[in-house]
Amino acid sequence: MKYISTRGAAPVLNFGEAMMTGLARDGGLYVPEAVPVMSKDAIAALAGQSYEETAFRVMRPFLGDTFGDDEFRGLIARAYAGFGHAARAPLVQLAPNHFLLELFHGPTLAFKDFAMQLIGQMMQAALEKSGQRITIVGATSGDTGSAAMEAFRGLGNVDLFILYPHGRVSEVQRRQMTTPVEANVHALAMDGDFDDCQARVKDMFNDFAFRDGVRLAGVNSINWARVLAQVVYYFFSAVALGAPHRAVSFTVPTGNFGDIFAGYIARQMGLPIEKLVIATNQNDILDRALRSGAYVTDGVKPSISPSMDIQVSSNFERALFDAYGRDGAAVAQLMAELKAGGFHISQGALEMLRATFASGRCSEEETTATIRAAHAATGEVLCPHSAVGVKVAEENLGPTPMITLATAHPAKFPDAVEGAMGLRPALPPRMGDLYSRPERVTRVANDLAALQALIRERTGH
């Protein structure tokens, strides 16, 4: 299994190399040279299997010889042992033909735990074999950072730095990043928005002297291993509702496009997905782009669903790569235009994207109303991101079962939830002391050179 860059000018890598590299050296994102297809019988055989066994069978064809079978099973077992629900990703029925996939039972109460816990285990195993130490730098709109902190804290071969937009994450998200006591993890509150944080991370990857000097690696969803780990819950939930013998649809609240791109890969692997619906909040660039063909940034508007407050959706590049017939030069040109504010999608590419994805938008008022209505009708308490998904899913319901991804626990966004339904969601007992733990954080400017100097100092490079 080989991996190629979406911009066509970086070395071809195996799985282990792609995982440790993160962003390709030409600025692109790694994708499989070809996506392995699971037979209908192989998908049907997933029925009744544990989440861990499903993960092994779905991911194994992508790994090549990076890990042996027994070794990989052990990594998966350790990754999900700390989840708070025996099913890992339970389905809850909201309405006739509408189901909620609860992806918030991991250690940091967000869907990012599914990928981050596993990539932490895989990276540490690879580093122990090589004897190397790496520096991971990531950007977060809230959930990626806390999931990365939890996955990598205390690991012997990793220094982790997380950039998050100062004042633009929820208090729970912030405390999950600032309260770990292990010396190898560092929370950096940066002036600006998530797109600024993401841009500085990409700048560091594109500074090859710095990248090689600190042995830089990435765990944002630019990392293919992150996307691959998320493919698993599409299979797990679809098979529970009768796939491959009947089709299912998915609605995915998304800002950076990684979670829904995982669904696209699941469909390419043979999972019968009828609709893949992109749900956006008021920062609706993905919905606007599919409707108009113009991907034009217009500034991030802070919302009650802050993890989706994004205008530059990194993983959309992976979808564009396929939409443009895997023409790396064409994608590189689009990304150059994006730096100047935006680009127009060609007619052929736009037709492919519209045939692959549906989309919708949810306003702040609609988010609040959906939280209130879902609780009244079902007793289910939705976080604001999940509510965005439910609202858009309701506009796309049909005879095919719809699964909406519930991406975070409501207690991560207690102010928004309380404002909607009058009840303040409580953290699970295992996190009950979060508000009393001391915080450790460094405020930083939106300044590449200053960030690089800080990272060099703390890693001794």
Foldseek 3Di string as FASTA:
>chain_A
DWKAFLQGDFDIHAQVVLQLLLAGLVRGFIDDPAFAADDQVRLLVCPPPALLVLLLVQLVVRHPVLDDSVRLSVLSCQLQVQFQDRNCWDWDDLDVLEIETLNQRHPLGFVLSLQQLSSLSSVLVSCVVVVAAAEEEEEALFDNQLSNCVNNAPRDRYAYEYEAAPPQFFPSSQLSNFFDPGLRYAYEHEHDHRVLSHVLVSVCSNPVVLCVVRVYGYDDLSRVSSLSSLLSVVSVVLSNVPPPVAEAEEFEEAAQCSNLVSVVSNVSNPTRYQAYEYFYEPLPQVQCCLVPQKLFHDAFDRALVRRNRHSHRRCVSVLLCVLVVNNSNVSVVQVVVVVVTIDGHDPSSSVVVVNHHHYDYAYRVQLLQQQQVSCVSPVDGAASSQSSRVVVVVVVDDPHRYYYYRGGDNQSSQVSSCVRHVDGDADPPVCNCSVVRDTHHHYDYSDSVVVSVVVCVSSVD
